């Protein structure tokens, strides 16, 4: 009997090794190198980092040898590097990507469609899911993980991966700040093996915005945010956006949604429900993989716009954030149990609690750990979006129509072109258009009109009205939850522009037309300056 058991175990081991070897040989025979083979060093090893140019080269190589991936250039960065986005899905989906982009556009703005027409689009459509990495350039792990994830998705032959790629079109932006990623990796490599290894670079990793290049997603002052905004809100219309970040080293290992308080009142409540579900799926899969230190409902709120996925929430996109504990770039850190600490919101003391059921005990933390945690969370994202494709697509259409209903027929935000600062008034109007908002122009009174009844109506309200930070209390008493970031951002106040809410007759509405480039006030700025605010 024991001999039979041993023989059975041996056969199972041989089968597993055969399948593993077959998969590896299949990838090799198809001419698809692993990231480590292509770059000629072990990706994820201590003190080994791929820079943005190497990452771009690898994605371009994948696109040459696989029909599951295409690479798009979104535009030049501030320092002239190509900003790329990889599109990964089944071969058939990529052949028909124009069709699925159009379906997503219609679901994002379903005005004029019947419920049956919307349902037909939901049945036909694919979930378009965006994953962006490394906007903060020292948060390096996701740029390394994304290489292995892309390789796995384009080479895997298992039924579940194929099912996911049939249902999801995945957009991957390896870095939202390529210039900074190159700077930081170059600085790190320079000092590896010295006492300065892993130290902070003395340079800003974005020439204009420094560290806070993640605060520009509604003002759109930089080439990077402009390029991504055009791809997201004028071309692809994704339904889900995950932005992968890193945080400090001495707390939890990873934050996944749900978020903590306060929440923004102008975000549709369905967003929070979908966010909670996907975030819980991430935490579930991480726990299954015995990855301790997963926390939710702590530190990160969603009250303020300005960040990548958070700005998108006001535009009916499901915005997700992960934050993983950091290393010193490619250098491991060793954290003793006594160094582990909580924070001011959601984890006052570093201890087991409902939103933190399995604390990490301390030890050595490596880039490989960051990559493994992020990979598990990213796979869980694909899993959830595959299972709930129809729910997500129909939810987007529902939220868009609800936003339209929040406005009133004939009600507009009016921006007079002729006021104290005509250039700033035009800037505000064109900025809203660049954000994907419907903006109209009246030649009769030379004014810009932004309807309140539109799919991005919640974003319009958030940007053009006054905010007051909510007095959220965790317990009875005088103390309120302090803000994570900004407390107010009314664009008319920031920009010194007069905006009034008006109701106009149907006759007057017939005189409104779409905003054109020529509606920029003549003589106020040069054509080159005006083009900064225009999306063709």
Protein backbone atom coordinates (compact mmCIF):
# COMPACT_ATOMS: atom_id res chain seq x y z
CA UNK A 1 0.00 0.00 0.00
CA UNK A 2 2.82 2.38 0.96
CA UNK A 3 4.55 1.51 -2.31
CA UNK A 4 1.41 2.46 -4.26
CA UNK A 5 1.18 5.77 -2.41
CA UNK A 6 4.82 6.55 -3.15
CA UNK A 7 4.31 5.65 -6.80
CA UNK A 8 1.24 7.89 -6.96
CA UNK A 9 3.16 10.80 -5.38
CA UNK A 10 6.04 10.29 -7.81
CA UNK A 11 3.69 10.32 -10.80
CA UNK A 12 2.06 13.55 -9.57
CA UNK A 13 5.47 15.22 -9.17
CA UNK A 14 6.50 14.07 -12.66
CA UNK A 15 3.23 15.41 -14.11
CA UNK A 16 3.70 18.81 -12.44
CA UNK A 17 7.29 19.06 -13.66
CA UNK A 18 6.21 18.03 -17.16
CA UNK A 19 3.50 20.67 -17.33
CA UNK A 20 5.89 23.33 -16.00
CA UNK A 21 8.56 22.33 -18.49
CA UNK A 22 6.05 22.22 -21.35
CA UNK A 23 4.82 25.72 -20.56
CA UNK A 24 8.38 27.00 -20.41
CA UNK A 25 9.31 25.31 -23.66
CA UNK A 26 6.13 26.61 -25.30
CA UNK A 27 7.07 30.15 -24.39
CA UNK A 28 10.63 29.63 -25.61
CA UNK A 29 9.55 27.95 -28.83
CA UNK A 30 7.21 30.84 -29.60
CA UNK A 31 10.14 33.22 -29.35
CA UNK A 32 8.93 34.99 -26.20
CA UNK A 33 11.75 35.56 -23.72
CA UNK A 34 11.12 36.02 -20.03
CA UNK A 35 11.98 39.47 -18.64
CA UNK A 36 15.12 38.06 -17.02
CA UNK A 37 16.22 36.39 -20.25
CA UNK A 38 15.66 39.56 -22.24
CA UNK A 39 17.36 41.92 -19.77
CA UNK A 40 20.14 39.44 -18.91
CA UNK A 41 19.72 39.77 -15.15
CA UNK A 42 17.26 38.35 -12.64
CA UNK A 43 14.30 40.71 -12.40
CA UNK A 44 13.27 41.10 -8.77
CA UNK A 45 16.65 40.10 -7.35
CA UNK A 46 18.22 42.27 -4.66
CA UNK A 47 20.00 45.33 -6.07
CA UNK A 48 18.82 44.68 -9.63
CA UNK A 49 16.41 47.18 -11.19
CA UNK A 50 15.15 47.57 -14.75
CA UNK A 51 15.00 51.17 -15.89
CA UNK A 52 12.22 52.65 -18.01
CA UNK A 53 14.06 52.29 -21.31
CA UNK A 54 14.67 48.61 -20.61
CA UNK A 55 11.02 48.19 -19.65
CA UNK A 56 9.88 49.89 -22.85
CA UNK A 57 12.23 47.71 -24.90
CA UNK A 58 10.79 44.58 -23.31
CA UNK A 59 7.19 45.59 -23.97
CA UNK A 60 8.09 46.37 -27.58
CA UNK A 61 9.70 42.92 -27.84
CA UNK A 62 6.55 41.27 -26.50
CA UNK A 63 4.48 43.17 -29.06
CA UNK A 64 6.73 41.85 -31.86
CA UNK A 65 6.37 38.20 -30.90
CA UNK A 66 2.88 37.96 -29.40
CA UNK A 67 -0.56 38.80 -30.82
CA UNK A 68 -1.94 39.30 -27.32
CA UNK A 69 -0.21 42.63 -26.79
CA UNK A 70 0.12 45.95 -28.57
CA UNK A 71 2.08 49.02 -27.48
CA UNK A 72 0.80 52.56 -27.91
CA UNK A 73 2.85 55.74 -27.52
CA UNK A 74 0.77 58.26 -25.59
CA UNK A 75 3.13 61.15 -26.25
CA UNK A 76 6.45 62.62 -25.16
CA UNK A 77 7.27 63.17 -21.50
CA UNK A 78 8.57 66.46 -20.15
CA UNK A 79 12.14 65.39 -20.95
CA UNK A 80 11.27 63.85 -24.31
CA UNK A 81 10.95 60.15 -23.51
CA UNK A 82 8.16 58.11 -25.08
CA UNK A 83 5.30 57.49 -22.67
CA UNK A 84 3.92 54.06 -23.52
CA UNK A 85 0.81 52.06 -22.74
CA UNK A 86 0.55 48.32 -23.35
CA UNK A 87 -2.80 46.86 -24.42
CA UNK A 88 -3.16 43.18 -23.47
CA UNK A 89 -6.11 40.94 -24.33
CA UNK A 90 -7.10 38.02 -26.52
CA UNK A 91 -6.08 38.13 -30.17
CA UNK A 92 -9.70 38.55 -31.24
CA UNK A 93 -10.30 41.44 -28.84
CA UNK A 94 -7.22 43.26 -30.09
CA UNK A 95 -8.34 42.80 -33.70
CA UNK A 96 -11.63 44.43 -32.74
CA UNK A 97 -10.37 46.98 -30.25
CA UNK A 98 -11.94 49.90 -32.13
CA UNK A 99 -15.34 48.26 -31.65
CA UNK A 100 -14.82 47.81 -27.91
CA UNK A 101 -13.53 51.34 -27.47
CA UNK A 102 -16.68 52.63 -29.12
CA UNK A 103 -18.86 50.47 -26.86
CA UNK A 104 -17.07 51.88 -23.83
CA UNK A 105 -17.55 55.41 -25.12
CA UNK A 106 -21.28 54.86 -25.54
CA UNK A 107 -21.64 53.31 -22.07
CA UNK A 108 -19.76 56.27 -20.59
CA UNK A 109 -22.29 58.59 -22.28
CA UNK A 110 -25.49 56.60 -22.95
CA UNK A 111 -27.71 59.62 -23.57
CA UNK A 112 -30.24 58.88 -26.29
CA UNK A 113 -29.97 55.09 -25.95
CA UNK A 114 -32.85 52.87 -24.90
CA UNK A 115 -32.43 50.42 -22.05
CA UNK A 116 -32.38 47.58 -24.59
CA UNK A 117 -29.62 49.30 -26.57
CA UNK A 118 -27.61 49.75 -23.37
CA UNK A 119 -28.07 46.09 -22.48
CA UNK A 120 -26.95 45.04 -25.96
CA UNK A 121 -23.76 47.07 -25.49
CA UNK A 122 -23.20 45.48 -22.07
CA UNK A 123 -23.62 42.01 -23.58
CA UNK A 124 -21.15 42.76 -26.36
CA UNK A 125 -18.64 44.87 -24.46
CA UNK A 126 -15.42 44.03 -22.65
CA UNK A 127 -14.30 45.40 -19.31
CA UNK A 128 -11.53 47.89 -20.04
CA UNK A 129 -9.21 47.94 -17.04
CA UNK A 130 -6.31 50.35 -16.57
CA UNK A 131 -3.35 49.64 -14.29
CA UNK A 132 -0.88 52.49 -13.82
CA UNK A 133 2.43 52.34 -11.99
CA UNK A 134 5.21 54.42 -10.52
CA UNK A 135 3.95 58.00 -10.64
CA UNK A 136 6.14 58.52 -7.57
CA UNK A 137 9.44 57.47 -9.01
CA UNK A 138 11.01 55.93 -5.91
CA UNK A 139 8.01 53.58 -5.69
CA UNK A 140 9.83 51.21 -7.96
CA UNK A 141 8.37 47.76 -7.34
CA UNK A 142 5.39 47.96 -9.69
CA UNK A 143 7.63 48.78 -12.68
CA UNK A 144 9.46 45.50 -12.07
CA UNK A 145 6.33 43.45 -11.35
CA UNK A 146 4.60 44.64 -14.49
CA UNK A 147 7.29 42.98 -16.64
CA UNK A 148 6.57 39.55 -15.19
CA UNK A 149 2.81 40.06 -15.21
CA UNK A 150 2.80 41.04 -18.88
CA UNK A 151 4.96 38.02 -19.77
CA UNK A 152 2.63 35.70 -17.90
CA UNK A 153 -0.48 37.09 -19.57
CA UNK A 154 0.86 36.85 -23.12
CA UNK A 155 2.29 33.32 -22.72
CA UNK A 156 -0.14 31.51 -20.40
CA UNK A 157 -2.21 28.74 -21.98
CA UNK A 158 -4.44 27.83 -19.05
CA UNK A 159 -8.21 28.16 -19.40
CA UNK A 160 -8.62 30.76 -16.65
CA UNK A 161 -6.10 33.22 -18.11
CA UNK A 162 -7.69 32.84 -21.53
CA UNK A 163 -11.12 33.49 -20.01
CA UNK A 164 -9.84 36.65 -18.36
CA UNK A 165 -8.31 37.91 -21.59
CA UNK A 166 -11.57 37.17 -23.42
CA UNK A 167 -13.53 39.33 -20.99
CA UNK A 168 -11.03 42.08 -20.19
CA UNK A 169 -8.93 44.47 -22.24
CA UNK A 170 -6.06 45.39 -19.94
CA UNK A 171 -4.27 48.72 -20.32
CA UNK A 172 -0.87 48.88 -18.59
CA UNK A 173 1.05 52.11 -18.08
CA UNK A 174 4.45 50.95 -16.74
CA UNK A 175 5.27 54.40 -15.35
CA UNK A 176 3.32 57.63 -15.12
CA UNK A 177 6.62 59.48 -14.68
CA UNK A 178 9.18 57.82 -16.96
CA UNK A 179 11.69 60.66 -16.60
CA UNK A 180 11.74 60.22 -12.83
CA UNK A 181 11.99 56.45 -13.03
CA UNK A 182 15.11 56.80 -15.17
CA UNK A 183 16.62 59.36 -12.79
CA UNK A 184 16.00 57.25 -9.71
CA UNK A 185 17.31 53.99 -11.16
CA UNK A 186 20.42 55.75 -12.48
CA UNK A 187 21.10 57.30 -9.06
CA UNK A 188 20.54 53.98 -7.31
CA UNK A 189 22.89 52.09 -9.61
CA UNK A 190 25.59 54.70 -9.14
CA UNK A 191 25.86 54.01 -5.41
CA UNK A 192 25.21 50.27 -5.16
CA UNK A 193 27.95 48.68 -3.08
CA UNK A 194 28.80 51.87 -1.21
CA UNK A 195 27.62 53.27 2.11
CA UNK A 196 25.23 55.52 0.14
CA UNK A 197 23.39 52.58 -1.43
CA UNK A 198 19.63 53.14 -1.45
CA UNK A 199 19.95 56.75 -0.31
CA UNK A 200 17.69 59.51 -1.51
CA UNK A 201 18.50 61.27 -4.74
CA UNK A 202 19.27 64.98 -4.20
CA UNK A 203 17.34 65.86 -7.37
CA UNK A 204 13.64 66.39 -8.03
CA UNK A 205 12.31 63.47 -10.02
CA UNK A 206 9.96 65.69 -11.98
CA UNK A 207 11.42 68.98 -13.27
CA UNK A 208 8.30 71.01 -12.47
CA UNK A 209 6.26 69.18 -9.86
CA UNK A 210 8.91 67.35 -7.85
CA UNK A 211 7.40 64.58 -5.73
CA UNK A 212 3.79 65.72 -6.01
CA UNK A 213 3.27 64.81 -9.63
CA UNK A 214 0.21 62.95 -8.34
CA UNK A 215 -1.72 66.15 -7.64
CA UNK A 216 -2.20 67.33 -11.21
CA UNK A 217 -5.04 65.16 -12.49
CA UNK A 218 -7.63 67.91 -12.80
CA UNK A 219 -5.39 70.93 -13.51
CA UNK A 220 -3.43 69.03 -16.21
CA UNK A 221 -0.40 71.28 -16.27
CA UNK A 222 2.11 68.59 -17.29
CA UNK A 223 2.70 66.63 -20.48
CA UNK A 224 2.32 63.34 -18.64
CA UNK A 225 -1.08 64.09 -17.13
CA UNK A 226 -2.29 65.56 -20.42
CA UNK A 227 -1.27 62.47 -22.39
CA UNK A 228 -2.89 60.05 -19.96
CA UNK A 229 -6.06 62.13 -19.67
CA UNK A 230 -6.44 62.12 -23.45
CA UNK A 231 -6.03 58.33 -23.58
CA UNK A 232 -8.45 57.70 -20.71
CA UNK A 233 -11.23 60.24 -21.22
CA UNK A 234 -11.12 60.78 -25.00
CA UNK A 235 -10.04 57.43 -26.44
CA UNK A 236 -10.41 54.34 -24.23
CA UNK A 237 -13.01 55.16 -21.53
CA UNK A 238 -11.94 52.41 -19.07
CA UNK A 239 -14.38 51.34 -16.40
CA UNK A 240 -11.80 50.42 -13.73
CA UNK A 241 -8.48 52.09 -12.84
CA UNK A 242 -5.93 50.67 -10.39
CA UNK A 243 -2.99 52.89 -9.43
CA UNK A 244 -0.14 51.04 -7.71
CA UNK A 245 1.90 52.89 -5.07
CA UNK A 246 4.28 52.29 -2.17
CA UNK A 247 4.24 53.67 1.37
CA UNK A 248 6.51 53.64 4.44
CA UNK A 249 8.44 50.57 5.57
CA UNK A 250 7.44 50.24 9.22
CA UNK A 251 3.68 49.69 9.02
CA UNK A 252 1.41 47.24 7.18
CA UNK A 253 2.74 45.46 4.10
CA UNK A 254 -0.07 46.46 1.74
CA UNK A 255 -3.13 48.69 1.75
CA UNK A 256 -6.06 47.58 -0.38
CA UNK A 257 -9.51 49.18 -0.56
CA UNK A 258 -12.02 49.75 1.02
CA UNK A 259 -10.83 53.25 1.87
CA UNK A 260 -11.28 55.12 5.13
CA UNK A 261 -13.35 58.23 5.93
CA UNK A 262 -14.17 60.81 4.79
CA UNK A 263 -15.65 60.04 1.38
CA UNK A 264 -16.60 62.57 -1.29
CA UNK A 265 -20.32 63.27 -1.42
CA UNK A 266 -20.29 63.90 -5.18
CA UNK A 267 -19.00 60.42 -6.03
CA UNK A 268 -21.75 57.94 -6.93
CA UNK A 269 -22.33 55.44 -4.09
CA UNK A 270 -22.10 52.51 -6.50
CA UNK A 271 -18.41 53.36 -6.94
CA UNK A 272 -17.80 52.60 -3.27
CA UNK A 273 -19.61 49.26 -3.51
CA UNK A 274 -17.59 48.09 -6.50
CA UNK A 275 -14.36 49.39 -4.95
CA UNK A 276 -15.10 47.49 -1.74
CA UNK A 277 -15.79 44.25 -3.62
CA UNK A 278 -12.63 44.34 -5.75
CA UNK A 279 -10.48 45.43 -2.79
CA UNK A 280 -11.86 42.58 -0.69
CA UNK A 281 -11.04 40.14 -3.49
CA UNK A 282 -7.45 41.43 -3.44
CA UNK A 283 -7.20 40.95 0.34
CA UNK A 284 -8.76 37.48 0.07
CA UNK A 285 -6.25 36.28 -2.51
CA UNK A 286 -3.34 37.79 -0.60
CA UNK A 287 -4.40 35.97 2.55
CA UNK A 288 -4.72 32.72 0.59
CA UNK A 289 -1.12 33.21 -0.51
CA UNK A 290 -0.15 33.59 3.19
CA UNK A 291 0.90 37.18 2.64
CA UNK A 292 0.48 38.84 6.01
CA UNK A 293 0.18 42.53 6.82
CA UNK A 294 -2.82 43.33 4.59
CA UNK A 295 -4.85 46.33 5.78
CA UNK A 296 -7.93 48.17 4.52
CA UNK A 297 -10.06 51.01 5.84
CA UNK A 298 -7.01 52.90 7.06
CA UNK A 299 -4.84 55.89 6.16
CA UNK A 300 -6.14 56.59 2.66
CA UNK A 301 -9.43 58.44 2.20
CA UNK A 302 -11.15 59.44 -1.03
CA UNK A 303 -12.44 62.87 -0.16
CA UNK A 304 -10.14 64.86 -2.43
CA UNK A 305 -9.59 64.79 -6.21
CA UNK A 306 -6.21 65.40 -7.78
CA UNK A 307 -4.73 61.90 -7.72
CA UNK A 308 -4.90 59.52 -10.68
CA UNK A 309 -7.67 57.06 -9.86
CA UNK A 310 -9.43 59.45 -7.47
CA UNK A 311 -10.12 62.17 -10.02
CA UNK A 312 -11.60 59.45 -12.23
CA UNK A 313 -14.18 58.53 -9.58
CA UNK A 314 -16.09 61.76 -10.22
CA UNK A 315 -16.26 60.61 -13.85
CA UNK A 316 -17.91 57.27 -12.99
CA UNK A 317 -14.71 55.20 -13.16
CA UNK A 318 -14.03 52.68 -10.39
CA UNK A 319 -10.82 54.00 -8.81
CA UNK A 320 -8.58 51.62 -6.85
CA UNK A 321 -5.37 52.23 -4.94
CA UNK A 322 -2.79 49.84 -3.55
CA UNK A 323 0.08 50.95 -1.33
CA UNK A 324 2.86 48.47 -0.56
CA UNK A 325 5.58 48.83 2.06
CA UNK A 326 8.83 50.16 0.56
CA UNK A 327 12.42 49.02 0.38
CA UNK A 328 15.38 51.32 -0.23
CA UNK A 329 14.86 51.06 -3.99
CA UNK A 330 16.46 47.69 -4.86
CA UNK A 331 18.05 47.24 -1.44
CA UNK A 332 16.26 45.12 1.18
CA UNK A 333 15.32 46.58 4.55
CA UNK A 334 15.24 44.74 7.84
CA UNK A 335 12.40 45.76 10.16
CA UNK A 336 12.48 44.53 13.74
CA UNK A 337 9.17 43.91 15.56
CA UNK A 338 9.85 46.93 17.77
CA UNK A 339 10.02 49.25 14.75
CA UNK A 340 6.54 48.36 13.50
CA UNK A 341 4.02 51.09 14.22
CA UNK A 342 0.50 52.21 13.48
CA UNK A 343 -0.75 55.49 12.09
CA UNK A 344 -3.25 58.16 13.01
CA UNK A 345 -6.20 56.81 11.04
CA UNK A 346 -7.46 53.24 11.01
CA UNK A 347 -4.47 51.70 12.82
CA UNK A 348 -3.53 53.70 15.90
CA UNK A 349 -1.46 50.83 17.30
CA UNK A 350 0.28 48.11 15.34
CA UNK A 351 -1.86 45.20 16.44
CA UNK A 352 -4.46 42.75 15.19
CA UNK A 353 -7.88 44.29 14.57
CA UNK A 354 -10.88 43.87 12.25
CA UNK A 355 -9.31 45.66 9.27
CA UNK A 356 -5.85 44.20 9.97
CA UNK A 357 -6.42 40.57 10.99
CA UNK A 358 -2.95 39.19 10.25
CA UNK A 359 -0.13 41.64 11.11
CA UNK A 360 3.25 41.12 9.50
CA UNK A 361 5.69 40.11 12.28
CA UNK A 362 8.74 41.91 10.95
CA UNK A 363 11.82 40.64 9.14
CA UNK A 364 13.60 41.31 5.85
CA UNK A 365 11.55 43.03 3.13
CA UNK A 366 12.67 42.91 -0.47
CA UNK A 367 11.67 44.23 -3.90
CA UNK A 368 10.65 40.65 -4.66
CA UNK A 369 8.14 40.87 -1.79
CA UNK A 370 6.68 44.10 -3.20
CA UNK A 371 6.37 42.47 -6.61
CA UNK A 372 4.69 39.34 -5.23
CA UNK A 373 2.11 41.31 -3.23
CA UNK A 374 1.34 43.59 -6.19
CA UNK A 375 1.13 40.65 -8.59
CA UNK A 376 -1.40 38.86 -6.38
CA UNK A 377 -3.51 42.03 -6.08
CA UNK A 378 -3.32 42.64 -9.84
CA UNK A 379 -4.41 39.10 -10.66
CA UNK A 380 -7.31 39.48 -8.22
CA UNK A 381 -8.32 42.63 -10.08
CA UNK A 382 -8.50 40.72 -13.36
CA UNK A 383 -10.42 37.91 -11.68
CA UNK A 384 -13.04 40.27 -10.23
CA UNK A 385 -13.47 42.23 -13.47
CA UNK A 386 -13.89 39.00 -15.41
CA UNK A 387 -16.52 37.60 -13.05
CA UNK A 388 -18.45 40.88 -12.88
CA UNK A 389 -17.91 42.21 -16.41
CA UNK A 390 -21.62 42.74 -17.09
CA UNK A 391 -22.24 44.27 -13.67
CA UNK A 392 -19.39 46.73 -14.12
CA UNK A 393 -20.41 47.76 -17.63
CA UNK A 394 -24.07 48.22 -16.74
CA UNK A 395 -23.05 50.09 -13.58
CA UNK A 396 -21.04 52.59 -15.61
CA UNK A 397 -24.06 53.37 -17.79
CA UNK A 398 -26.31 53.65 -14.74
CA UNK A 399 -23.96 56.09 -13.00
CA UNK A 400 -23.65 58.19 -16.16
CA UNK A 401 -27.42 58.50 -16.50
CA UNK A 402 -27.79 59.25 -12.77
CA UNK A 403 -25.28 62.09 -13.20
CA UNK A 404 -27.35 63.48 -16.06
CA UNK A 405 -30.48 63.37 -13.87
CA UNK A 406 -28.70 65.32 -11.12
CA UNK A 407 -28.57 68.30 -13.45
CA UNK A 408 -31.56 70.23 -14.75
CA UNK A 409 -32.63 70.83 -18.37
CA UNK A 410 -31.54 74.26 -19.46
CA UNK A 411 -29.22 74.72 -16.45
CA UNK A 412 -25.61 75.67 -17.17
CA UNK A 413 -22.46 77.03 -15.59
CA UNK A 414 -21.77 80.16 -17.62
CA UNK A 415 -18.24 81.53 -18.03
CA UNK A 416 -18.23 84.92 -19.75
CA UNK A 417 -15.35 85.20 -22.19
CA UNK A 418 -15.06 88.91 -21.54
CA UNK A 419 -14.22 89.42 -17.88
CA UNK A 420 -11.35 90.68 -15.78
CA UNK A 421 -8.98 87.93 -17.02
CA UNK A 422 -10.24 86.60 -20.38
CA UNK A 423 -7.28 84.22 -20.79
CA UNK A 424 -7.98 82.50 -17.45
CA UNK A 425 -11.68 82.30 -18.28
CA UNK A 426 -10.83 80.58 -21.58
CA UNK A 427 -8.30 78.39 -19.80
CA UNK A 428 -10.97 77.15 -17.40
CA UNK A 429 -13.39 76.34 -20.23
CA UNK A 430 -10.77 74.51 -22.29
CA UNK A 431 -9.45 72.73 -19.20
CA UNK A 432 -12.91 71.30 -18.53
CA UNK A 433 -13.11 70.16 -22.14
CA UNK A 434 -9.70 68.54 -21.82
CA UNK A 435 -11.03 66.67 -18.79
CA UNK A 436 -13.72 65.13 -20.99
CA UNK A 437 -16.51 67.51 -19.94
CA UNK A 438 -19.10 68.72 -22.44
CA UNK A 439 -18.48 72.45 -22.99
CA UNK A 440 -20.52 74.63 -25.35
CA UNK A 441 -20.01 78.13 -26.71
CA UNK A 442 -22.39 80.95 -27.56
CA UNK A 443 -21.27 83.42 -30.22
CA UNK A 444 -24.13 85.79 -29.41
CA UNK A 445 -22.94 86.65 -25.90
CA UNK A 446 -19.38 85.30 -26.18
CA UNK A 447 -19.65 82.91 -23.26
CA UNK A 448 -18.79 79.29 -22.46
CA UNK A 449 -21.65 77.10 -21.22
CA UNK A 450 -21.19 73.87 -19.26
CA UNK A 451 -24.43 71.90 -18.84
CA UNK A 452 -25.13 70.50 -15.37
CA UNK A 453 -27.03 67.58 -16.95
CA UNK A 454 -24.20 65.50 -18.40
CA UNK A 455 -22.43 62.20 -17.61
CA UNK A 456 -19.53 64.02 -15.92
CA UNK A 457 -21.95 66.27 -14.04
CA UNK A 458 -20.57 65.18 -10.66
CA UNK A 459 -17.08 66.20 -11.73
CA UNK A 460 -18.42 69.54 -13.01
CA UNK A 461 -20.11 70.21 -9.68
CA UNK A 462 -16.96 69.25 -7.77
CA UNK A 463 -14.72 71.51 -9.83
CA UNK A 464 -16.95 74.58 -10.17
CA UNK A 465 -18.58 74.87 -6.74
CA UNK A 466 -17.27 75.47 -3.22
CA UNK A 467 -16.22 72.61 -0.91
CA UNK A 468 -16.18 72.48 2.87
CA UNK A 469 -14.29 69.72 4.62
CA UNK A 470 -16.76 67.45 6.46
CA UNK A 471 -16.66 67.16 10.24
CA UNK A 472 -16.33 63.38 10.46
CA UNK A 473 -15.84 61.96 13.98
CA UNK A 474 -14.64 58.48 14.88
CA UNK A 475 -16.01 58.74 18.41
CA UNK A 476 -18.14 61.24 20.29
CA UNK A 477 -16.23 64.39 21.23
CA UNK A 478 -14.73 67.51 19.68
CA UNK A 479 -12.05 65.92 17.47
CA UNK A 480 -12.71 65.39 13.76
CA UNK A 481 -10.84 63.15 11.32
CA UNK A 482 -8.03 65.30 9.90
CA UNK A 483 -7.72 65.62 6.10
CA UNK A 484 -5.29 63.36 4.28
CA UNK A 485 -4.56 65.99 1.68
CA UNK A 486 -6.42 68.99 0.28
CA UNK A 487 -9.62 70.33 1.81
CA UNK A 488 -10.93 72.47 -1.10
CA UNK A 489 -10.22 73.02 -4.79
CA UNK A 490 -12.85 75.25 -6.38
CA UNK A 491 -11.40 76.12 -9.78
CA UNK A 492 -13.16 79.51 -10.15
CA UNK A 493 -11.58 80.59 -6.85
CA UNK A 494 -8.17 79.13 -7.70
CA UNK A 495 -8.08 80.68 -11.15
CA UNK A 496 -9.80 83.99 -10.38
CA UNK A 497 -12.61 83.37 -12.87
CA UNK A 498 -16.23 84.45 -12.49
CA UNK A 499 -18.64 81.51 -13.04
CA UNK A 500 -22.39 81.78 -12.62
CA UNK A 501 -25.14 79.18 -12.73
CA UNK A 502 -27.92 80.14 -15.14
CA UNK A 503 -31.08 78.69 -16.70
CA UNK A 504 -31.66 79.47 -20.34
CA UNK A 505 -34.63 78.96 -22.65
CA UNK A 506 -34.84 76.33 -25.37
CA UNK A 507 -34.51 79.07 -27.98
CA UNK A 508 -31.27 80.21 -26.41
CA UNK A 509 -30.01 76.62 -26.21
CA UNK A 510 -30.31 76.26 -29.99
CA UNK A 511 -27.63 78.94 -30.30
CA UNK A 512 -25.08 76.88 -28.38
CA UNK A 513 -22.51 74.78 -30.21
CA UNK A 514 -19.52 72.64 -29.36
CA UNK A 515 -16.38 74.41 -28.20
CA UNK A 516 -13.84 75.01 -30.98
CA UNK A 517 -10.17 75.90 -30.86
CA UNK A 518 -11.01 79.24 -32.46
CA UNK A 519 -13.14 80.17 -29.43
CA UNK A 520 -9.95 81.01 -27.54
CA UNK A 521 -9.95 84.81 -27.16
CA UNK A 522 -7.74 86.34 -29.81
CA UNK A 523 -4.68 88.26 -28.74
CA UNK A 524 -4.66 87.06 -25.13
CA UNK A 525 -2.13 84.24 -25.56
CA UNK A 526 -0.08 82.84 -28.42
CA UNK A 527 -1.40 79.94 -30.45
CA UNK A 528 1.24 77.71 -28.85
CA UNK A 529 0.04 78.70 -25.41
CA UNK A 530 -3.59 78.09 -26.30
CA UNK A 531 -2.80 74.63 -27.61
CA UNK A 532 -1.74 73.58 -24.12
CA UNK A 533 -5.39 73.51 -23.15
CA UNK A 534 -6.89 72.02 -26.30
CA UNK A 535 -7.48 68.32 -26.95
CA UNK A 536 -8.15 67.64 -30.61
